[in-house]
Amino acid sequence: MAKVKYELDPHNRLIASGGLKGPGVFKYRRVTEGRLTVGGNNDLIYHVKSPVDGDGTESGLPHQVKFRGRWSLSQGDKLVYTLTKWRRASLGDELTLKGQFVKADSGSLTFACSGRDADGKKRVHSICLSGYWSAGRDNRLIFRVKRGSNTYDRLNFGLAWDIGKEHRLRYAFRERNSSGARKNAISFDGKWRLLRKRYLTYSLDAADDSRFDFRIGSALAEKRKIRFEVGIGARASGRCIERSLVFYGRWKLQRGAGLRFEAETGAGRRCDFRFEARLRERKGRIYEIDLFNTRGRDLGISFTLSKSVFEGMGKAFMKAVISRKEKGLYIGSGFAW
C-alpha cells in the first residue's frame, strides 16, 4: 500500500500527498477542509468537512482522522505534532500548527488555531492539551502533555519568562510582528512561596500538582523588597540569561505566625512568604537574620535589617531581642511576646 505524507497548510488545513513520481515528487496533493481537535490521551484529530481542491473528487478520508504521535515545541515556540502511526502515514511526518498559545491553567494549555476556509473567511478554533506544569533544571518552563498512564510528552519553552503586574508569572513568545514587538504572552495564576533551600516556588494549585521550582542563584532582602537572582537556560550551551525577580512589600511580625513578608500585589494575593527566622542583634541596632521555612528547614537566605524595619510591629518583641544576653532569638510559628 502506497505511503501517504501528511502536513498542514498555513490555514491549518490537512494536506495529503501520495503516489511518488520521483524523489520528493508526488502524483497527487489534496487539501482537505476541516478543523483540528484533541481526543483522549491528547491524540490529534482532524474533523474533515469537504475537499477543496476543486476537481469534485472525494478526498478518500473518513469524517474524522485520528492520528498517533507526540507533541513538542520547535524553535520559535511553534506547536508540532510528529506522527508515529496512522494507517498509511509516513513515520516522522510533522504537523506544525499555525496559531498561538492563549491560556495556561494548572492542568491545561490552550492553543488557538487560526486560518481561512475555502471562501476566504477567517476562522479560529482552540485545542486544549491536558497535563501539568513544572520547571526544568535550567529553570525553563515545561508543560508535560499527558499521553497515558505515567506517559508524557514534554513541551520545553524558551528563556523568555519573567514576572509582571501583581507578581504574576508570565511567558512572552519569541514571534514578532512587523513593529518588532512580541505578539503575545500567557500568564499563570499562582502563588509564590519559599519551601526549600535555594528554590523559589510558584504553585498553580493548592495540591501542588502543577508548580515551578526555580533554583535561586542568590537572594537579597532589604527594608521594602526581596530580590532573587535566577539563571534561565544552560550555561554550557551559551544560552543563559540572568533574571532579577523583585518583590516589593513590607516585613511584618504576627503573633503565632512568625516573620512574614507581605508583598504589594493589589487585589490579588500572589505571594505567601512566611518564615521562621534566627535573629541576632549586631552593633548599632542592626539585626542579622537567617531564614527558615515554616517546617524549620534552612532556606539558605541571610540578610540584615535595621531596627526601624520592626518599629510599630511589637515593642514587647523588640524588648525581648535587646534584653537577651546572647543577643539572639528565634521567631516563628511558636514565638510569643
Protein backbone atom coordinates (compact mmCIF):
# COMPACT_ATOMS: atom_id res chain seq x y z
CA MET A 1 0.00 0.00 0.00
CA ALA A 2 1.39 3.39 -1.02
CA LYS A 3 2.55 5.67 1.75
CA VAL A 4 0.81 8.99 2.27
CA LYS A 5 2.52 12.11 3.55
CA TYR A 6 0.54 14.47 5.79
CA GLU A 7 1.15 18.11 6.59
CA LEU A 8 -0.78 21.28 7.44
CA ASP A 9 -1.01 24.32 5.19
CA PRO A 10 -0.74 27.92 6.55
CA HIS A 11 -4.50 27.81 7.34
CA ASN A 12 -4.32 24.57 9.40
CA ARG A 13 -5.94 22.56 6.61
CA LEU A 14 -4.81 18.95 6.18
CA ILE A 15 -2.76 18.14 3.07
CA ALA A 16 -2.40 14.53 1.92
CA SER A 17 0.23 13.72 -0.71
CA GLY A 18 0.96 10.32 -2.21
CA GLY A 19 1.92 8.24 -5.23
CA LEU A 20 5.58 9.11 -5.79
CA LYS A 21 6.61 10.08 -9.33
CA GLY A 22 10.19 10.62 -8.28
CA PRO A 23 12.26 11.74 -5.28
CA GLY A 24 10.10 14.25 -3.44
CA VAL A 25 7.53 14.48 -6.27
CA PHE A 26 4.00 13.16 -5.60
CA LYS A 27 1.34 12.12 -8.12
CA TYR A 28 -1.34 13.91 -6.14
CA ARG A 29 -1.64 16.55 -3.42
CA ARG A 30 -5.06 17.09 -1.89
CA VAL A 31 -6.06 19.87 0.54
CA THR A 32 -8.98 18.93 2.79
CA GLU A 33 -11.24 21.37 4.61
CA GLY A 34 -11.75 20.70 8.32
CA ARG A 35 -10.66 21.61 11.84
CA LEU A 36 -8.30 20.29 14.50
CA THR A 37 -9.21 18.96 17.96
CA VAL A 38 -7.66 16.62 20.51
CA GLY A 39 -9.15 13.44 21.92
CA GLY A 40 -8.33 11.02 24.70
CA ASN A 41 -4.63 10.87 25.66
CA ASN A 42 -4.27 14.17 23.77
CA ASP A 43 -4.20 12.45 20.36
CA LEU A 44 -4.60 14.88 17.45
CA ILE A 45 -7.85 14.61 15.49
CA TYR A 46 -8.78 16.26 12.18
CA HIS A 47 -12.52 16.62 11.51
CA VAL A 48 -12.98 16.53 7.73
CA LYS A 49 -15.53 18.92 6.23
CA SER A 50 -15.02 18.66 2.44
CA PRO A 51 -12.27 18.54 -0.25
CA VAL A 52 -11.22 21.96 -1.58
CA ASP A 53 -9.03 21.04 -4.50
CA GLY A 54 -11.79 21.97 -6.95
CA ASP A 55 -11.85 18.79 -9.05
CA GLY A 56 -15.02 17.45 -7.44
CA THR A 57 -13.41 14.20 -6.31
CA GLU A 58 -13.73 12.73 -2.86
CA SER A 59 -10.78 13.05 -0.53
CA GLY A 60 -10.91 9.39 0.44
CA LEU A 61 -10.64 10.32 4.11
CA PRO A 62 -13.18 9.45 6.82
CA HIS A 63 -15.10 12.26 8.50
CA GLN A 64 -12.69 12.04 11.44
CA VAL A 65 -8.97 11.39 11.06
CA LYS A 66 -7.29 10.38 14.32
CA PHE A 67 -3.52 10.49 14.36
CA ARG A 68 -1.00 8.96 16.74
CA GLY A 69 2.13 10.89 17.55
CA ARG A 70 3.97 13.05 20.06
CA TRP A 71 3.82 16.75 20.94
CA SER A 72 6.80 19.09 21.02
CA LEU A 73 7.86 22.70 20.50
CA SER A 74 10.12 23.74 17.65
CA GLN A 75 12.33 26.82 17.52
CA GLY A 76 10.19 29.90 17.98
CA ASP A 77 7.70 28.10 20.26
CA LYS A 78 5.76 26.55 17.37
CA LEU A 79 3.49 23.67 18.38
CA VAL A 80 4.40 20.47 16.48
CA TYR A 81 2.78 17.04 16.31
CA THR A 82 5.12 14.34 14.95
CA LEU A 83 3.31 11.30 13.59
CA THR A 84 4.33 7.91 14.90
CA LYS A 85 1.47 5.86 13.43
CA TRP A 86 -1.65 6.37 11.33
CA ARG A 87 -2.76 3.94 8.61
CA ARG A 88 -0.62 4.73 5.54
CA ALA A 89 1.15 7.74 7.07
CA SER A 90 4.90 8.10 6.86
CA LEU A 91 6.57 7.88 10.25
CA GLY A 92 8.13 11.16 11.25
CA ASP A 93 5.75 13.44 9.33
CA GLU A 94 5.46 16.72 11.23
CA LEU A 95 2.24 18.68 11.51
CA THR A 96 3.10 22.25 12.56
CA LEU A 97 0.02 24.01 13.91
CA LYS A 98 -0.49 27.66 12.97
CA GLY A 99 -1.69 29.97 15.74
CA GLN A 100 -0.66 30.91 19.26
CA PHE A 101 -0.94 29.85 22.88
CA VAL A 102 -3.64 31.84 24.64
CA LYS A 103 -4.17 30.38 28.10
CA ALA A 104 -2.37 28.35 30.76
CA ASP A 105 -4.03 26.72 33.77
CA SER A 106 -2.72 24.35 36.41
CA GLY A 107 -3.67 21.28 34.36
CA SER A 108 -4.01 22.54 30.79
CA LEU A 109 -2.57 24.60 27.96
CA THR A 110 -4.82 26.15 25.29
CA PHE A 111 -3.71 26.82 21.72
CA ALA A 112 -5.79 28.93 19.28
CA CYS A 113 -5.60 27.61 15.70
CA SER A 114 -6.04 30.29 13.05
CA GLY A 115 -6.78 30.02 9.33
CA ARG A 116 -9.22 30.63 6.50
CA ASP A 117 -11.76 28.38 4.85
CA ALA A 118 -12.32 27.80 1.13
CA ASP A 119 -14.18 31.10 0.59
CA GLY A 120 -11.50 33.11 2.42
CA LYS A 121 -13.44 33.58 5.64
CA LYS A 122 -11.22 33.81 8.71
CA ARG A 123 -11.78 31.13 11.34
CA VAL A 124 -10.29 30.46 14.76
CA HIS A 125 -10.79 27.45 16.99
CA SER A 126 -8.98 26.20 20.08
CA ILE A 127 -7.48 22.94 21.22
CA CYS A 128 -6.79 22.26 24.90
CA LEU A 129 -3.95 19.97 25.93
CA SER A 130 -4.15 18.39 29.39
CA GLY A 131 -1.17 17.71 31.65
CA TYR A 132 0.83 19.56 34.28
CA TRP A 133 3.48 22.29 34.59
CA SER A 134 6.96 22.10 36.10
CA ALA A 135 10.38 23.73 35.83
CA GLY A 136 13.47 22.09 34.36
CA ARG A 137 16.91 22.02 35.97
CA ASP A 138 17.78 25.04 33.83
CA ASN A 139 14.72 26.95 35.20
CA ARG A 140 12.86 26.81 31.88
CA LEU A 141 9.10 26.25 31.87
CA ILE A 142 7.91 22.75 30.90
CA PHE A 143 4.40 21.55 30.13
CA ARG A 144 4.08 17.77 30.26
CA VAL A 145 1.29 16.61 27.93
CA LYS A 146 -0.43 13.52 29.33
CA ARG A 147 -0.42 10.61 26.87
CA GLY A 148 -1.43 7.72 29.09
CA SER A 149 -0.58 6.14 32.42
CA ASN A 150 2.69 7.79 33.53
CA THR A 151 3.48 8.75 29.92
CA TYR A 152 4.01 12.37 28.90
CA ASP A 153 5.31 14.48 26.02
CA ARG A 154 7.42 17.48 27.01
CA LEU A 155 6.87 20.99 25.70
CA ASN A 156 10.10 22.81 26.59
CA PHE A 157 9.62 26.57 26.48
CA GLY A 158 12.41 29.08 25.95
CA LEU A 159 14.05 31.65 28.20
CA ALA A 160 11.53 34.50 27.96
CA TRP A 161 9.69 34.34 31.28
CA ASP A 162 9.52 36.98 33.99
CA ILE A 163 7.04 38.44 36.50
CA GLY A 164 4.52 41.11 35.55
CA LYS A 165 1.78 43.02 37.31
CA GLU A 166 0.85 41.78 40.78
CA HIS A 167 3.92 39.50 40.63
CA ARG A 168 2.15 37.15 38.20
CA LEU A 169 4.42 34.76 36.29
CA ARG A 170 4.23 35.27 32.51
CA TYR A 171 5.85 33.87 29.39
CA ALA A 172 6.41 36.07 26.30
CA PHE A 173 6.67 34.34 22.94
CA ARG A 174 9.51 34.88 20.50
CA GLU A 175 7.38 35.57 17.45
CA ARG A 176 7.43 39.22 16.44
CA ASN A 177 5.11 41.35 14.36
CA SER A 178 6.08 44.00 11.79
CA SER A 179 6.89 46.55 14.52
CA GLY A 180 9.29 44.15 16.17
CA ALA A 181 7.20 43.77 19.36
CA ARG A 182 6.26 40.41 20.80
CA LYS A 183 2.86 39.24 19.61
CA ASN A 184 1.51 37.69 22.79
CA ALA A 185 2.19 36.30 26.22
CA ILE A 186 0.47 33.89 28.57
CA SER A 187 0.12 34.47 32.31
CA PHE A 188 -0.03 31.92 35.11
CA ASP A 189 -2.38 32.37 38.05
CA GLY A 190 -0.44 31.15 41.08
CA LYS A 191 1.29 31.99 44.33
CA TRP A 192 4.98 32.47 45.19
CA ARG A 193 6.38 30.60 48.19
CA LEU A 194 9.69 29.57 49.73
CA LEU A 195 9.56 25.87 50.56
CA ARG A 196 13.11 24.55 50.40
CA LYS A 197 16.69 25.68 50.34
CA ARG A 198 17.82 27.61 47.27
CA TYR A 199 14.46 27.28 45.49
CA LEU A 200 11.69 29.79 44.77
CA THR A 201 8.34 28.06 44.13
CA TYR A 202 5.35 29.25 42.10
CA SER A 203 2.35 26.99 42.81
CA LEU A 204 -0.55 26.88 40.36
CA ASP A 205 -2.93 24.88 42.56
CA ALA A 206 -3.43 24.09 46.22
CA ALA A 207 -2.38 20.46 45.81
CA ASP A 208 0.92 21.45 44.14
CA ASP A 209 0.19 19.10 41.21
CA SER A 210 1.45 21.89 38.94
CA ARG A 211 4.22 24.12 40.22
CA PHE A 212 7.51 25.68 39.19
CA ASP A 213 10.51 25.17 41.46
CA PHE A 214 13.12 27.70 40.32
CA ARG A 215 16.69 27.37 41.52
CA ILE A 216 17.96 30.60 43.10
CA GLY A 217 21.44 31.90 42.44
CA SER A 218 21.29 34.46 45.25
CA ALA A 219 18.76 36.33 47.36
CA LEU A 220 18.89 39.81 48.86
CA ALA A 221 16.39 41.07 51.42
CA GLU A 222 16.03 44.79 52.13
CA LYS A 223 13.66 47.03 54.03
CA ARG A 224 10.96 47.20 51.34
CA LYS A 225 11.78 44.35 48.97
CA ILE A 226 13.23 40.90 48.35
CA ARG A 227 15.32 40.29 45.23
CA PHE A 228 16.04 36.83 43.80
CA GLU A 229 18.65 36.25 41.09
CA VAL A 230 17.69 33.37 38.79
CA GLY A 231 19.59 31.96 35.82
CA ILE A 232 17.44 30.65 32.94
CA GLY A 233 19.00 28.28 30.42
CA ALA A 234 22.16 26.19 30.26
CA ARG A 235 25.48 27.96 30.71
CA ALA A 236 27.34 25.16 28.91
CA SER A 237 25.37 25.82 25.72
CA GLY A 238 25.87 29.59 25.94
CA ARG A 239 22.11 30.13 26.07
CA CYS A 240 21.58 31.51 29.55
CA ILE A 241 20.17 34.77 30.86
CA GLU A 242 20.15 36.21 34.38
CA ARG A 243 16.78 37.38 35.64
CA SER A 244 16.15 39.53 38.73
CA LEU A 245 12.80 38.80 40.37
CA VAL A 246 11.93 41.68 42.70
CA PHE A 247 9.04 41.62 45.19
CA TYR A 248 8.08 44.87 46.86
CA GLY A 249 6.27 44.97 50.19
CA ARG A 250 6.88 45.16 53.92
CA TRP A 251 8.05 42.94 56.77
CA LYS A 252 5.57 42.02 59.50
CA LEU A 253 5.67 40.20 62.80
CA GLN A 254 2.45 38.41 63.69
CA ARG A 255 1.53 36.76 66.96
CA GLY A 256 1.65 33.00 66.47
CA ALA A 257 2.58 33.33 62.78
CA GLY A 258 6.23 34.38 62.86
CA LEU A 259 8.00 36.60 60.39
CA ARG A 260 6.25 37.42 57.15
CA PHE A 261 6.97 39.45 54.05
CA GLU A 262 3.70 40.92 52.79
CA ALA A 263 4.15 41.71 49.11
CA GLU A 264 2.31 44.55 47.42
CA THR A 265 0.09 42.68 44.99
CA GLY A 266 -3.00 44.84 44.71
CA ALA A 267 -6.27 42.94 44.92
CA GLY A 268 -4.69 39.51 44.31
CA ARG A 269 -2.50 37.81 46.93
CA ARG A 270 0.22 36.16 44.86
CA CYS A 271 2.96 35.90 47.47
CA ASP A 272 2.98 33.94 50.69
CA PHE A 273 6.46 34.43 52.12
CA ARG A 274 6.25 33.15 55.69
CA PHE A 275 9.34 32.27 57.66
CA GLU A 276 10.84 31.09 60.82
CA ALA A 277 14.00 33.04 61.50
CA ARG A 278 17.06 33.25 63.69
CA LEU A 279 17.65 36.88 64.59
CA ARG A 280 20.84 38.31 66.15
CA GLU A 281 21.46 41.89 67.23
CA ARG A 282 24.63 43.49 65.97
CA LYS A 283 26.25 46.77 66.89
CA GLY A 284 24.16 49.82 66.08
CA ARG A 285 20.79 48.07 66.37
CA ILE A 286 21.35 46.19 63.13
CA TYR A 287 19.79 42.74 63.03
CA GLU A 288 21.18 39.74 61.19
CA ILE A 289 18.52 37.25 60.15
CA ASP A 290 18.74 33.69 58.83
CA LEU A 291 15.54 32.44 57.20
CA PHE A 292 13.94 29.00 57.53
CA ASN A 293 10.67 27.72 56.12
CA THR A 294 7.75 27.07 58.45
CA ARG A 295 8.97 23.48 58.95
CA GLY A 296 12.33 24.70 60.23
CA ARG A 297 14.32 23.89 57.09
CA ASP A 298 17.15 26.24 56.20
CA LEU A 299 16.36 28.33 53.10
CA GLY A 300 19.97 29.44 52.61
CA ILE A 301 18.96 33.11 52.82
CA SER A 302 20.57 35.54 55.26
CA PHE A 303 20.27 39.32 55.41
CA THR A 304 20.49 42.32 57.70
CA LEU A 305 17.76 44.77 58.65
CA SER A 306 17.78 47.86 60.83
CA LYS A 307 15.68 48.41 63.96
CA SER A 308 13.39 50.80 62.06
CA VAL A 309 12.03 47.94 59.98
CA PHE A 310 10.34 46.42 63.03
CA GLU A 311 9.21 49.58 64.79
CA GLY A 312 5.49 49.61 65.48
CA MET A 313 5.21 45.85 64.95
CA GLY A 314 5.69 44.66 68.52
CA LYS A 315 7.51 46.62 71.20
CA ALA A 316 7.49 43.64 73.52
CA PHE A 317 9.20 41.54 70.89
CA MET A 318 11.89 44.15 70.30
CA LYS A 319 12.47 44.41 74.03
CA ALA A 320 12.92 40.65 74.26
CA VAL A 321 15.52 40.69 71.49
CA ILE A 322 17.51 43.52 73.05
CA SER A 323 17.43 42.12 76.60
CA ARG A 324 18.61 38.58 75.78
CA LYS A 325 22.20 38.03 76.93
CA GLU A 326 23.13 36.03 73.83
CA LYS A 327 21.58 38.74 71.65
CA GLY A 328 19.65 36.22 69.63
CA LEU A 329 16.11 34.94 69.32
CA TYR A 330 14.15 32.53 67.17
CA ILE A 331 10.91 33.81 65.70
CA GLY A 332 8.44 31.52 64.02
CA SER A 333 5.12 29.77 64.31
CA GLY A 334 5.60 29.25 68.03
CA PHE A 335 7.08 32.52 69.24
CA ALA A 336 5.35 34.58 71.92
CA TRP A 337 5.77 38.08 73.32
